[in-house]
């Protein structure tokens, strides 16, 4: 049995221009597929007072060999859903061997 993980897509934002017609910075999204990710749910909450809103959380461990490291303004596509990166990713390192197994990324998706 081999462990392969899942392929997720990291969408990074890059500033491509200084100003648009409204005076805002211009950004472009760049999607990059990252194989070998480990995904587990953090659960979800539901808000039903005056709205039907569900907030779902995931934790994703990207391998250290990932071609891209997400930032707090990145998004990720996991299992068909688009999630916002919640904060900066954690960079796991062993204090004994200096081994770096990967990056822990917290994701949040709000629907409704």
N, C-alpha and C. Protein backbone atom coordinates (compact mmCIF):
# COMPACT_ATOMS: atom_id res chain seq x y z
N UNK A 1 0.84 -1.17 0.00
CA UNK A 1 0.00 0.00 0.00
C UNK A 1 0.89 1.24 0.00
N UNK A 2 0.62 2.17 -0.90
CA UNK A 2 1.36 3.42 -0.90
C UNK A 2 0.43 4.58 -0.55
N UNK A 3 0.97 5.55 0.13
CA UNK A 3 0.20 6.72 0.51
C UNK A 3 0.49 7.82 -0.50
N UNK A 4 -0.55 8.31 -1.14
CA UNK A 4 -0.38 9.29 -2.20
C UNK A 4 -0.89 10.68 -1.82
N UNK A 5 -1.81 10.80 -0.93
CA UNK A 5 -2.40 12.09 -0.61
C UNK A 5 -3.36 12.53 -1.70
N UNK A 6 -3.77 13.76 -1.62
CA UNK A 6 -4.71 14.34 -2.58
C UNK A 6 -4.04 15.48 -3.34
N UNK A 7 -4.57 15.78 -4.50
CA UNK A 7 -4.11 16.95 -5.22
C UNK A 7 -5.05 18.10 -4.91
N UNK A 8 -4.50 19.21 -4.45
CA UNK A 8 -5.25 20.42 -4.18
C UNK A 8 -4.70 21.53 -5.08
N UNK A 9 -5.45 22.59 -5.24
CA UNK A 9 -5.01 23.72 -6.05
C UNK A 9 -4.83 24.94 -5.17
N UNK A 10 -3.64 25.51 -5.19
CA UNK A 10 -3.36 26.75 -4.47
C UNK A 10 -3.49 27.90 -5.45
N UNK A 11 -4.31 28.89 -5.09
CA UNK A 11 -4.51 30.06 -5.94
C UNK A 11 -3.84 31.25 -5.26
N UNK A 12 -2.73 31.70 -5.83
CA UNK A 12 -2.01 32.83 -5.25
C UNK A 12 -2.38 34.11 -5.97
N UNK A 13 -2.35 35.22 -5.24
CA UNK A 13 -2.62 36.53 -5.82
C UNK A 13 -1.30 37.25 -5.99
N UNK A 14 -1.12 37.83 -7.18
CA UNK A 14 0.09 38.57 -7.48
C UNK A 14 -0.30 39.94 -8.00
N UNK A 15 0.35 40.95 -7.46
CA UNK A 15 0.09 42.31 -7.94
C UNK A 15 0.65 42.45 -9.35
N UNK A 16 -0.22 42.83 -10.31
CA UNK A 16 0.20 42.94 -11.70
C UNK A 16 0.18 44.37 -12.22
N UNK A 17 -0.38 45.27 -11.43
CA UNK A 17 -0.45 46.67 -11.86
C UNK A 17 -0.70 47.58 -10.68
N UNK A 18 -0.43 48.86 -10.90
CA UNK A 18 -0.58 49.80 -9.79
C UNK A 18 -2.01 50.26 -9.57
N UNK A 19 -2.70 50.65 -10.61
CA UNK A 19 -4.03 51.20 -10.40
C UNK A 19 -4.99 50.80 -11.51
N UNK A 20 -6.22 50.49 -11.10
CA UNK A 20 -7.27 50.29 -12.09
C UNK A 20 -8.05 51.59 -12.23
N UNK A 21 -9.19 51.55 -12.90
CA UNK A 21 -9.98 52.76 -13.14
C UNK A 21 -10.48 53.40 -11.85
N UNK A 22 -10.59 52.61 -10.77
CA UNK A 22 -11.07 53.14 -9.49
C UNK A 22 -9.93 53.45 -8.52
N UNK A 23 -8.68 53.33 -8.99
CA UNK A 23 -7.54 53.65 -8.14
C UNK A 23 -7.07 52.51 -7.26
N UNK A 24 -7.51 51.30 -7.53
CA UNK A 24 -7.11 50.13 -6.74
C UNK A 24 -5.95 49.40 -7.41
N UNK A 25 -5.15 48.71 -6.61
CA UNK A 25 -4.11 47.86 -7.16
C UNK A 25 -4.75 46.75 -8.00
N UNK A 26 -4.04 46.29 -9.01
CA UNK A 26 -4.54 45.25 -9.90
C UNK A 26 -3.82 43.94 -9.56
N UNK A 27 -4.59 42.87 -9.40
CA UNK A 27 -4.04 41.56 -9.05
C UNK A 27 -4.46 40.52 -10.07
N UNK A 28 -3.67 39.46 -10.18
CA UNK A 28 -4.01 38.30 -11.00
C UNK A 28 -3.92 37.05 -10.13
N UNK A 29 -4.82 36.12 -10.38
CA UNK A 29 -4.81 34.84 -9.66
C UNK A 29 -4.03 33.82 -10.48
N UNK A 30 -3.17 33.06 -9.80
CA UNK A 30 -2.39 32.03 -10.45
C UNK A 30 -2.65 30.70 -9.75
N UNK A 31 -3.35 29.76 -10.40
CA UNK A 31 -3.59 28.45 -9.78
C UNK A 31 -2.43 27.49 -10.04
N UNK A 32 -2.05 26.75 -8.99
CA UNK A 32 -0.99 25.74 -9.10
C UNK A 32 -1.48 24.47 -8.40
N UNK A 33 -1.46 23.35 -9.11
CA UNK A 33 -1.83 22.08 -8.50
C UNK A 33 -0.69 21.56 -7.64
N UNK A 34 -1.06 21.08 -6.43
CA UNK A 34 -0.07 20.54 -5.50
C UNK A 34 -0.49 19.11 -5.15
N UNK A 35 0.24 18.10 -5.61
CA UNK A 35 -0.09 16.72 -5.26
C UNK A 35 0.47 16.36 -3.89
N UNK A 36 -0.08 15.31 -3.31
CA UNK A 36 0.45 14.78 -2.06
C UNK A 36 -0.02 15.48 -0.81
N UNK A 37 -1.12 16.23 -0.89
CA UNK A 37 -1.63 16.94 0.29
C UNK A 37 -2.44 15.98 1.17
N UNK A 38 -2.43 16.26 2.45
CA UNK A 38 -3.25 15.53 3.42
C UNK A 38 -4.34 16.48 3.88
N UNK A 39 -5.60 16.03 3.83
CA UNK A 39 -6.74 16.89 4.16
C UNK A 39 -7.55 16.26 5.27
N UNK A 40 -7.91 17.07 6.28
CA UNK A 40 -8.84 16.58 7.29
C UNK A 40 -9.78 17.70 7.71
N UNK A 41 -11.03 17.37 8.04
CA UNK A 41 -12.02 18.38 8.40
C UNK A 41 -11.81 18.92 9.81
N UNK A 42 -12.16 20.19 9.99
CA UNK A 42 -12.16 20.81 11.31
C UNK A 42 -13.58 20.98 11.83
N UNK A 43 -14.55 20.66 11.00
CA UNK A 43 -15.95 20.80 11.41
C UNK A 43 -16.59 22.00 10.76
N UNK A 44 -17.87 22.21 11.09
CA UNK A 44 -18.58 23.34 10.52
C UNK A 44 -19.57 23.89 11.53
N UNK A 45 -19.97 25.13 11.31
CA UNK A 45 -20.98 25.77 12.14
C UNK A 45 -22.06 26.32 11.24
N UNK A 46 -23.24 26.50 11.83
CA UNK A 46 -24.38 26.96 11.05
C UNK A 46 -25.01 28.16 11.74
N UNK A 47 -25.24 29.21 10.98
CA UNK A 47 -25.91 30.41 11.47
C UNK A 47 -27.28 30.46 10.81
N UNK A 48 -28.36 30.41 11.59
CA UNK A 48 -29.69 30.38 10.99
C UNK A 48 -30.56 31.57 11.38
N UNK A 49 -30.09 32.43 12.26
CA UNK A 49 -30.87 33.60 12.64
C UNK A 49 -30.73 34.68 11.58
N UNK A 50 -31.82 34.95 10.86
CA UNK A 50 -31.88 35.95 9.80
C UNK A 50 -31.04 35.60 8.57
N UNK A 51 -30.43 34.43 8.58
CA UNK A 51 -29.63 34.02 7.43
C UNK A 51 -29.40 32.51 7.49
N UNK A 52 -29.14 31.93 6.36
CA UNK A 52 -28.74 30.53 6.30
C UNK A 52 -27.30 30.51 5.84
N UNK A 53 -26.40 30.38 6.81
CA UNK A 53 -24.98 30.47 6.51
C UNK A 53 -24.25 29.33 7.19
N UNK A 54 -23.38 28.66 6.43
CA UNK A 54 -22.59 27.56 6.97
C UNK A 54 -21.11 27.90 6.80
N UNK A 55 -20.35 27.79 7.88
CA UNK A 55 -18.90 28.00 7.84
C UNK A 55 -18.24 26.65 8.04
N UNK A 56 -17.40 26.25 7.07
CA UNK A 56 -16.74 24.96 7.10
C UNK A 56 -15.24 25.16 7.15
N UNK A 57 -14.57 24.37 7.99
CA UNK A 57 -13.12 24.48 8.11
C UNK A 57 -12.42 23.19 7.72
N UNK A 58 -11.27 23.34 7.09
CA UNK A 58 -10.41 22.21 6.75
C UNK A 58 -8.99 22.54 7.20
N UNK A 59 -8.22 21.51 7.47
CA UNK A 59 -6.79 21.65 7.67
C UNK A 59 -6.12 20.85 6.55
N UNK A 60 -5.14 21.47 5.91
CA UNK A 60 -4.42 20.83 4.82
C UNK A 60 -2.94 20.85 5.14
N UNK A 61 -2.30 19.71 5.01
CA UNK A 61 -0.85 19.62 5.16
C UNK A 61 -0.26 19.46 3.77
N UNK A 62 0.46 20.50 3.33
CA UNK A 62 1.14 20.45 2.03
C UNK A 62 2.54 19.93 2.23
N UNK A 63 3.03 19.10 1.31
CA UNK A 63 4.40 18.59 1.45
C UNK A 63 5.42 19.72 1.35
N UNK A 64 6.56 19.54 1.99
CA UNK A 64 7.63 20.54 1.95
C UNK A 64 8.09 20.79 0.52
N UNK A 65 7.90 19.81 -0.35
CA UNK A 65 8.31 19.95 -1.75
C UNK A 65 7.28 20.69 -2.59
N UNK A 66 6.27 21.25 -1.96
CA UNK A 66 5.22 21.96 -2.69
C UNK A 66 5.82 23.05 -3.56
N UNK A 67 5.35 23.17 -4.81
CA UNK A 67 5.91 24.20 -5.70
C UNK A 67 5.48 25.61 -5.32
N UNK A 68 4.52 25.74 -4.42
CA UNK A 68 4.06 27.06 -3.99
C UNK A 68 3.66 26.99 -2.52
N UNK A 69 3.95 28.05 -1.79
CA UNK A 69 3.52 28.14 -0.39
C UNK A 69 2.43 29.19 -0.30
N UNK A 70 1.23 28.81 0.17
CA UNK A 70 0.15 29.78 0.25
C UNK A 70 0.44 30.86 1.30
N UNK A 71 -0.21 32.00 1.12
CA UNK A 71 -0.13 33.10 2.09
C UNK A 71 -1.54 33.38 2.60
N UNK A 72 -1.66 34.33 3.50
CA UNK A 72 -2.96 34.65 4.09
C UNK A 72 -3.96 35.19 3.07
N UNK A 73 -3.49 35.65 1.90
CA UNK A 73 -4.43 36.15 0.88
C UNK A 73 -4.67 35.13 -0.23
N UNK A 74 -4.17 33.93 -0.04
CA UNK A 74 -4.38 32.86 -1.04
C UNK A 74 -5.73 32.20 -0.84
N UNK A 75 -6.14 31.46 -1.84
CA UNK A 75 -7.30 30.59 -1.76
C UNK A 75 -6.85 29.20 -2.19
N UNK A 76 -7.65 28.20 -1.83
CA UNK A 76 -7.33 26.83 -2.25
C UNK A 76 -8.61 26.13 -2.69
N UNK A 77 -8.45 25.30 -3.72
CA UNK A 77 -9.56 24.44 -4.14
C UNK A 77 -9.26 23.05 -3.62
N UNK A 78 -10.16 22.56 -2.76
CA UNK A 78 -10.00 21.25 -2.13
C UNK A 78 -11.31 20.49 -2.29
N UNK A 79 -11.24 19.30 -2.87
CA UNK A 79 -12.40 18.44 -3.05
C UNK A 79 -13.56 19.17 -3.72
N UNK A 80 -13.23 20.04 -4.67
CA UNK A 80 -14.24 20.73 -5.46
C UNK A 80 -14.74 22.04 -4.88
N UNK A 81 -14.36 22.36 -3.65
CA UNK A 81 -14.80 23.61 -3.03
C UNK A 81 -13.66 24.61 -2.94
N UNK A 82 -13.98 25.90 -3.02
CA UNK A 82 -12.97 26.95 -2.91
C UNK A 82 -12.99 27.49 -1.48
N UNK A 83 -11.82 27.52 -0.85
CA UNK A 83 -11.67 27.94 0.54
C UNK A 83 -10.69 29.10 0.62
N UNK A 84 -10.88 29.97 1.60
CA UNK A 84 -9.95 31.04 1.90
C UNK A 84 -8.90 30.51 2.87
N UNK A 85 -7.64 30.90 2.67
CA UNK A 85 -6.60 30.55 3.63
C UNK A 85 -6.81 31.44 4.85
N UNK A 86 -6.85 30.82 6.02
CA UNK A 86 -7.12 31.52 7.27
C UNK A 86 -5.80 31.72 8.02
N UNK A 87 -5.19 32.90 7.88
CA UNK A 87 -3.91 33.18 8.52
C UNK A 87 -2.75 32.67 7.68
N UNK A 88 -1.56 32.76 8.24
CA UNK A 88 -0.37 32.27 7.55
C UNK A 88 -0.15 30.79 7.84
N UNK A 89 0.33 30.03 6.88
CA UNK A 89 0.59 28.60 7.09
C UNK A 89 1.67 28.36 8.15
N UNK A 90 1.53 27.25 8.84
CA UNK A 90 2.55 26.83 9.80
C UNK A 90 3.61 26.01 9.11
N UNK A 91 4.87 26.30 9.39
CA UNK A 91 6.00 25.61 8.78
C UNK A 91 6.51 24.59 9.80
N UNK A 92 6.13 23.31 9.60
CA UNK A 92 6.51 22.26 10.54
C UNK A 92 7.99 21.92 10.39
N UNK A 93 8.69 21.87 11.55
CA UNK A 93 10.11 21.49 11.58
C UNK A 93 10.39 20.67 12.83
N UNK A 94 11.19 19.66 12.66
CA UNK A 94 11.58 18.84 13.80
C UNK A 94 12.71 19.53 14.56
N UNK A 95 12.59 19.66 15.89
CA UNK A 95 13.68 20.27 16.66
C UNK A 95 14.88 19.32 16.83
N UNK A 96 14.69 18.07 16.49
CA UNK A 96 15.74 17.07 16.68
C UNK A 96 16.54 16.77 15.42
N UNK A 97 15.85 16.82 14.27
CA UNK A 97 16.52 16.42 13.03
C UNK A 97 16.53 17.52 11.96
N UNK A 98 15.85 18.64 12.22
CA UNK A 98 15.68 19.72 11.25
C UNK A 98 14.85 19.29 10.05
N UNK A 99 14.19 18.14 10.13
CA UNK A 99 13.32 17.67 9.05
C UNK A 99 12.13 18.61 8.93
N UNK A 100 11.76 18.91 7.70
CA UNK A 100 10.62 19.78 7.43
C UNK A 100 9.59 19.00 6.63
N UNK A 101 8.59 18.40 7.30
CA UNK A 101 7.63 17.58 6.58
C UNK A 101 6.63 18.36 5.74
N UNK A 102 6.39 19.63 6.05
CA UNK A 102 5.45 20.38 5.23
C UNK A 102 4.86 21.58 5.93
N UNK A 103 3.82 22.12 5.28
CA UNK A 103 3.14 23.32 5.75
C UNK A 103 1.71 22.98 6.14
N UNK A 104 1.30 23.42 7.33
CA UNK A 104 -0.08 23.24 7.76
C UNK A 104 -0.87 24.50 7.42
N UNK A 105 -1.94 24.32 6.66
CA UNK A 105 -2.74 25.44 6.20
C UNK A 105 -4.17 25.29 6.73
N UNK A 106 -4.67 26.32 7.40
CA UNK A 106 -6.05 26.33 7.89
C UNK A 106 -6.92 27.01 6.83
N UNK A 107 -8.03 26.36 6.48
CA UNK A 107 -8.92 26.88 5.44
C UNK A 107 -10.32 27.09 5.99
N UNK A 108 -11.00 28.11 5.47
CA UNK A 108 -12.38 28.39 5.86
C UNK A 108 -13.19 28.68 4.61
N UNK A 109 -14.41 28.14 4.62
CA UNK A 109 -15.35 28.39 3.51
C UNK A 109 -16.69 28.78 4.10
N UNK A 110 -17.22 29.91 3.66
CA UNK A 110 -18.52 30.39 4.12
C UNK A 110 -19.48 30.34 2.94
N UNK A 111 -20.61 29.64 3.13
CA UNK A 111 -21.63 29.57 2.09
C UNK A 111 -22.96 30.06 2.65
N UNK A 112 -23.77 30.60 1.78
CA UNK A 112 -25.10 31.06 2.19
C UNK A 112 -25.17 32.54 2.42
